[in-house]
N, C-alpha and C. Protein backbone atom coordinates (compact mmCIF):
# COMPACT_ATOMS: atom_id res chain seq x y z
N MET A 1 30.56 -5.12 52.82
CA MET A 1 31.17 -6.14 51.99
C MET A 1 31.65 -5.56 50.66
N ARG A 2 30.79 -4.72 50.04
CA ARG A 2 31.18 -4.14 48.75
C ARG A 2 32.39 -3.23 48.90
N GLY A 3 32.41 -2.46 49.97
CA GLY A 3 33.55 -1.57 50.21
C GLY A 3 34.83 -2.35 50.43
N LEU A 4 34.72 -3.46 51.12
CA LEU A 4 35.89 -4.32 51.37
C LEU A 4 36.42 -4.91 50.07
N ALA A 5 35.51 -5.37 49.20
CA ALA A 5 35.93 -5.93 47.91
C ALA A 5 36.60 -4.88 47.04
N GLY A 6 36.01 -3.70 46.98
CA GLY A 6 36.60 -2.62 46.19
C GLY A 6 37.94 -2.18 46.75
N GLY A 7 38.02 -2.06 48.06
CA GLY A 7 39.28 -1.67 48.69
C GLY A 7 40.38 -2.69 48.47
N ALA A 8 40.02 -3.97 48.49
CA ALA A 8 41.01 -5.02 48.27
C ALA A 8 41.59 -4.94 46.86
N LEU A 9 40.74 -4.66 45.87
CA LEU A 9 41.24 -4.52 44.50
C LEU A 9 42.18 -3.32 44.37
N VAL A 10 41.82 -2.22 45.00
CA VAL A 10 42.68 -1.04 44.95
C VAL A 10 44.03 -1.33 45.58
N VAL A 11 44.02 -2.04 46.69
CA VAL A 11 45.28 -2.41 47.37
C VAL A 11 46.11 -3.32 46.47
N LEU A 12 45.49 -4.29 45.81
CA LEU A 12 46.23 -5.19 44.92
C LEU A 12 46.90 -4.41 43.78
N PHE A 13 46.18 -3.47 43.20
CA PHE A 13 46.79 -2.67 42.14
C PHE A 13 47.89 -1.77 42.68
N ALA A 14 47.73 -1.25 43.89
CA ALA A 14 48.77 -0.42 44.48
C ALA A 14 50.04 -1.25 44.72
N VAL A 15 49.87 -2.47 45.16
CA VAL A 15 51.03 -3.35 45.36
C VAL A 15 51.71 -3.64 44.03
N ALA A 16 50.92 -3.91 42.98
CA ALA A 16 51.50 -4.12 41.65
C ALA A 16 52.26 -2.88 41.21
N GLY A 17 51.71 -1.70 41.49
CA GLY A 17 52.40 -0.46 41.15
C GLY A 17 53.72 -0.29 41.87
N GLU A 18 53.79 -0.75 43.11
CA GLU A 18 55.03 -0.66 43.87
C GLU A 18 56.09 -1.63 43.36
N LEU A 19 55.67 -2.76 42.84
CA LEU A 19 56.62 -3.78 42.40
C LEU A 19 57.20 -3.49 41.02
N LEU A 20 56.51 -2.72 40.21
CA LEU A 20 56.97 -2.46 38.84
C LEU A 20 58.06 -1.38 38.82
N ARG A 21 58.93 -1.51 37.86
CA ARG A 21 59.99 -0.52 37.63
C ARG A 21 59.85 0.01 36.23
N PRO A 22 60.09 1.21 35.91
CA PRO A 22 60.35 2.33 36.81
C PRO A 22 59.08 2.73 37.57
N LYS A 23 59.28 3.47 38.63
CA LYS A 23 58.17 3.86 39.50
C LYS A 23 57.12 4.66 38.74
N SER A 24 57.53 5.46 37.78
CA SER A 24 56.54 6.26 37.04
C SER A 24 55.59 5.37 36.26
N PHE A 25 56.06 4.23 35.78
CA PHE A 25 55.21 3.27 35.10
C PHE A 25 54.30 2.57 36.09
N GLY A 26 54.84 2.24 37.22
CA GLY A 26 54.06 1.55 38.25
C GLY A 26 52.92 2.38 38.79
N GLY A 27 53.07 3.68 38.76
CA GLY A 27 52.01 4.56 39.23
C GLY A 27 50.73 4.48 38.44
N ILE A 28 50.85 4.06 37.20
CA ILE A 28 49.67 3.90 36.35
C ILE A 28 48.71 2.88 36.98
N PHE A 29 49.26 1.83 37.56
CA PHE A 29 48.42 0.78 38.12
C PHE A 29 47.85 1.13 39.48
N ALA A 30 48.37 2.16 40.11
CA ALA A 30 47.94 2.49 41.47
C ALA A 30 46.85 3.55 41.48
N THR A 31 46.40 4.00 40.32
CA THR A 31 45.43 5.10 40.32
C THR A 31 44.12 4.71 39.67
N ALA A 32 43.72 5.45 38.67
CA ALA A 32 42.38 5.34 38.08
C ALA A 32 42.00 3.94 37.62
N PRO A 33 42.86 3.17 36.96
CA PRO A 33 42.42 1.84 36.54
C PRO A 33 41.99 0.95 37.69
N SER A 34 42.68 1.04 38.80
CA SER A 34 42.30 0.20 39.93
C SER A 34 40.96 0.62 40.51
N VAL A 35 40.72 1.90 40.57
CA VAL A 35 39.44 2.40 41.07
C VAL A 35 38.32 2.03 40.10
N ALA A 36 38.58 2.14 38.80
CA ALA A 36 37.57 1.79 37.81
C ALA A 36 37.25 0.30 37.87
N LEU A 37 38.26 -0.53 37.96
CA LEU A 37 38.03 -1.97 38.04
C LEU A 37 37.29 -2.34 39.32
N ALA A 38 37.69 -1.74 40.42
CA ALA A 38 37.00 -2.00 41.68
C ALA A 38 35.54 -1.57 41.59
N SER A 39 35.30 -0.45 40.97
CA SER A 39 33.93 0.03 40.80
C SER A 39 33.11 -0.94 39.96
N LEU A 40 33.69 -1.45 38.88
CA LEU A 40 32.98 -2.41 38.04
C LEU A 40 32.70 -3.72 38.78
N VAL A 41 33.66 -4.18 39.56
CA VAL A 41 33.45 -5.42 40.32
C VAL A 41 32.35 -5.24 41.35
N VAL A 42 32.38 -4.12 42.06
CA VAL A 42 31.34 -3.86 43.06
C VAL A 42 29.97 -3.73 42.39
N THR A 43 29.91 -3.05 41.24
CA THR A 43 28.66 -2.93 40.51
C THR A 43 28.17 -4.29 40.04
N ALA A 44 29.08 -5.14 39.57
CA ALA A 44 28.70 -6.48 39.12
C ALA A 44 28.15 -7.32 40.26
N LEU A 45 28.72 -7.17 41.44
CA LEU A 45 28.25 -7.94 42.59
C LEU A 45 26.92 -7.44 43.13
N ALA A 46 26.71 -6.13 43.03
CA ALA A 46 25.54 -5.53 43.66
C ALA A 46 24.37 -5.31 42.71
N LYS A 47 24.64 -5.19 41.42
CA LYS A 47 23.58 -4.83 40.48
C LYS A 47 23.58 -5.77 39.29
N SER A 48 22.88 -5.37 38.25
CA SER A 48 22.69 -6.22 37.08
C SER A 48 23.81 -6.02 36.05
N GLU A 49 23.77 -6.87 35.04
CA GLU A 49 24.72 -6.77 33.93
C GLU A 49 24.54 -5.45 33.18
N THR A 50 23.30 -4.98 33.10
CA THR A 50 23.02 -3.71 32.43
C THR A 50 23.70 -2.55 33.16
N ALA A 51 23.71 -2.59 34.47
CA ALA A 51 24.38 -1.53 35.24
C ALA A 51 25.88 -1.55 35.01
N VAL A 52 26.45 -2.75 34.91
CA VAL A 52 27.89 -2.87 34.64
C VAL A 52 28.20 -2.32 33.25
N TRP A 53 27.36 -2.66 32.27
CA TRP A 53 27.54 -2.17 30.91
C TRP A 53 27.48 -0.65 30.87
N ALA A 54 26.52 -0.06 31.57
CA ALA A 54 26.38 1.39 31.59
C ALA A 54 27.59 2.06 32.24
N SER A 55 28.08 1.46 33.32
CA SER A 55 29.26 2.02 33.99
C SER A 55 30.49 1.93 33.10
N ALA A 56 30.68 0.79 32.46
CA ALA A 56 31.83 0.61 31.57
C ALA A 56 31.76 1.57 30.38
N LEU A 57 30.57 1.74 29.84
CA LEU A 57 30.39 2.68 28.73
C LEU A 57 30.77 4.09 29.16
N GLY A 58 30.32 4.51 30.32
CA GLY A 58 30.68 5.82 30.83
C GLY A 58 32.17 6.00 31.02
N MET A 59 32.84 4.95 31.46
CA MET A 59 34.29 5.01 31.65
C MET A 59 35.02 5.14 30.32
N VAL A 60 34.59 4.38 29.33
CA VAL A 60 35.23 4.44 28.01
C VAL A 60 35.00 5.81 27.37
N VAL A 61 33.76 6.29 27.42
CA VAL A 61 33.45 7.60 26.84
C VAL A 61 34.26 8.69 27.54
N GLY A 62 34.33 8.63 28.86
CA GLY A 62 35.11 9.62 29.60
C GLY A 62 36.59 9.57 29.25
N ALA A 63 37.12 8.38 29.03
CA ALA A 63 38.54 8.23 28.68
C ALA A 63 38.83 8.80 27.29
N VAL A 64 37.95 8.52 26.34
CA VAL A 64 38.15 9.06 24.99
C VAL A 64 38.05 10.58 25.01
N ALA A 65 37.08 11.10 25.75
CA ALA A 65 36.94 12.56 25.87
C ALA A 65 38.16 13.16 26.56
N LEU A 66 38.74 12.44 27.51
CA LEU A 66 39.94 12.93 28.19
C LEU A 66 41.12 13.03 27.24
N VAL A 67 41.25 12.08 26.34
CA VAL A 67 42.32 12.14 25.34
C VAL A 67 42.14 13.39 24.47
N ALA A 68 40.90 13.64 24.03
CA ALA A 68 40.64 14.85 23.23
C ALA A 68 40.96 16.10 24.02
N ALA A 69 40.58 16.14 25.28
CA ALA A 69 40.85 17.31 26.12
C ALA A 69 42.35 17.52 26.31
N CYS A 70 43.10 16.44 26.47
CA CYS A 70 44.55 16.56 26.64
C CYS A 70 45.23 17.07 25.37
N VAL A 71 44.77 16.57 24.23
CA VAL A 71 45.35 17.03 22.96
C VAL A 71 45.12 18.52 22.79
N VAL A 72 43.91 18.98 23.06
CA VAL A 72 43.60 20.41 22.96
C VAL A 72 44.32 21.19 24.06
N GLY A 73 44.34 20.63 25.26
CA GLY A 73 44.93 21.33 26.39
C GLY A 73 46.41 21.63 26.23
N ILE A 74 47.14 20.75 25.59
CA ILE A 74 48.58 20.97 25.39
C ILE A 74 48.82 22.28 24.65
N ASP A 75 48.12 22.47 23.56
CA ASP A 75 48.30 23.68 22.76
C ASP A 75 47.60 24.88 23.40
N ALA A 76 46.43 24.64 23.98
CA ALA A 76 45.66 25.76 24.55
C ALA A 76 46.40 26.42 25.72
N VAL A 77 47.05 25.64 26.55
CA VAL A 77 47.79 26.23 27.67
C VAL A 77 48.98 27.04 27.17
N LYS A 78 49.63 26.56 26.13
CA LYS A 78 50.75 27.31 25.55
C LYS A 78 50.28 28.63 24.96
N ARG A 79 49.14 28.61 24.28
CA ARG A 79 48.64 29.81 23.61
C ARG A 79 47.96 30.80 24.54
N PHE A 80 47.13 30.29 25.45
CA PHE A 80 46.26 31.18 26.24
C PHE A 80 46.61 31.26 27.71
N GLY A 81 47.61 30.52 28.16
CA GLY A 81 47.95 30.51 29.57
C GLY A 81 47.21 29.41 30.30
N ALA A 82 47.54 29.22 31.57
CA ALA A 82 47.04 28.08 32.32
C ALA A 82 45.53 28.12 32.53
N LEU A 83 45.00 29.24 32.97
CA LEU A 83 43.58 29.31 33.31
C LEU A 83 42.69 29.17 32.07
N ARG A 84 42.96 29.94 31.06
CA ARG A 84 42.15 29.87 29.84
C ARG A 84 42.38 28.55 29.09
N GLY A 85 43.59 28.08 29.08
CA GLY A 85 43.88 26.80 28.44
C GLY A 85 43.17 25.64 29.13
N ALA A 86 43.17 25.66 30.47
CA ALA A 86 42.46 24.63 31.22
C ALA A 86 40.96 24.72 30.98
N ALA A 87 40.44 25.95 30.91
CA ALA A 87 39.00 26.12 30.63
C ALA A 87 38.65 25.59 29.24
N ALA A 88 39.50 25.85 28.26
CA ALA A 88 39.26 25.33 26.91
C ALA A 88 39.30 23.81 26.90
N SER A 89 40.24 23.25 27.63
CA SER A 89 40.37 21.80 27.71
C SER A 89 39.14 21.19 28.37
N LEU A 90 38.66 21.80 29.43
CA LEU A 90 37.47 21.32 30.11
C LEU A 90 36.24 21.39 29.20
N LEU A 91 36.14 22.47 28.45
CA LEU A 91 35.03 22.61 27.51
C LEU A 91 35.07 21.51 26.45
N VAL A 92 36.25 21.22 25.93
CA VAL A 92 36.40 20.14 24.95
C VAL A 92 35.98 18.81 25.57
N TRP A 93 36.39 18.58 26.81
CA TRP A 93 36.01 17.33 27.47
C TRP A 93 34.49 17.23 27.61
N LEU A 94 33.86 18.30 28.05
CA LEU A 94 32.40 18.28 28.22
C LEU A 94 31.67 18.02 26.91
N VAL A 95 32.08 18.70 25.85
CA VAL A 95 31.44 18.53 24.55
C VAL A 95 31.68 17.12 24.01
N ALA A 96 32.91 16.65 24.10
CA ALA A 96 33.24 15.31 23.59
C ALA A 96 32.52 14.22 24.38
N ALA A 97 32.53 14.32 25.70
CA ALA A 97 31.89 13.30 26.52
C ALA A 97 30.38 13.28 26.29
N THR A 98 29.77 14.45 26.24
CA THR A 98 28.33 14.52 26.01
C THR A 98 27.96 13.97 24.64
N GLY A 99 28.69 14.37 23.63
CA GLY A 99 28.42 13.90 22.27
C GLY A 99 28.63 12.40 22.11
N LEU A 100 29.75 11.90 22.63
CA LEU A 100 30.02 10.47 22.53
C LEU A 100 29.02 9.63 23.30
N TYR A 101 28.64 10.11 24.48
CA TYR A 101 27.67 9.36 25.27
C TYR A 101 26.30 9.35 24.59
N ALA A 102 25.92 10.48 24.01
CA ALA A 102 24.64 10.54 23.28
C ALA A 102 24.67 9.60 22.06
N MET A 103 25.80 9.55 21.36
CA MET A 103 25.92 8.65 20.21
C MET A 103 25.87 7.18 20.66
N ALA A 104 26.50 6.87 21.78
CA ALA A 104 26.55 5.49 22.24
C ALA A 104 25.18 5.00 22.73
N LEU A 105 24.34 5.90 23.19
CA LEU A 105 23.04 5.50 23.70
C LEU A 105 21.98 5.35 22.61
N ARG A 106 22.31 5.67 21.38
CA ARG A 106 21.34 5.51 20.28
C ARG A 106 20.89 4.11 20.13
């Protein structure tokens, strides 16, 4: 049942992505947000409010850390090449996500 509910939400977002123009904008709705929303709905149906809060917090922290990693990654790839730039970006993501999550759990 939970898999069916999550899958239905992903399909709805994919359909919304197909209907929007331009296609590059519509793709935003067919990927991570739909999976995140489906995950939160399934968690809400199967577990407690605390579990939903923890999942949402993890998603927000990961998104903020991803923005930091992208900002660093743009310059790092230009300066150090693809492999080292990607490694630097990943390191920034790990540090930012760990730090933000630790701060949020205080």
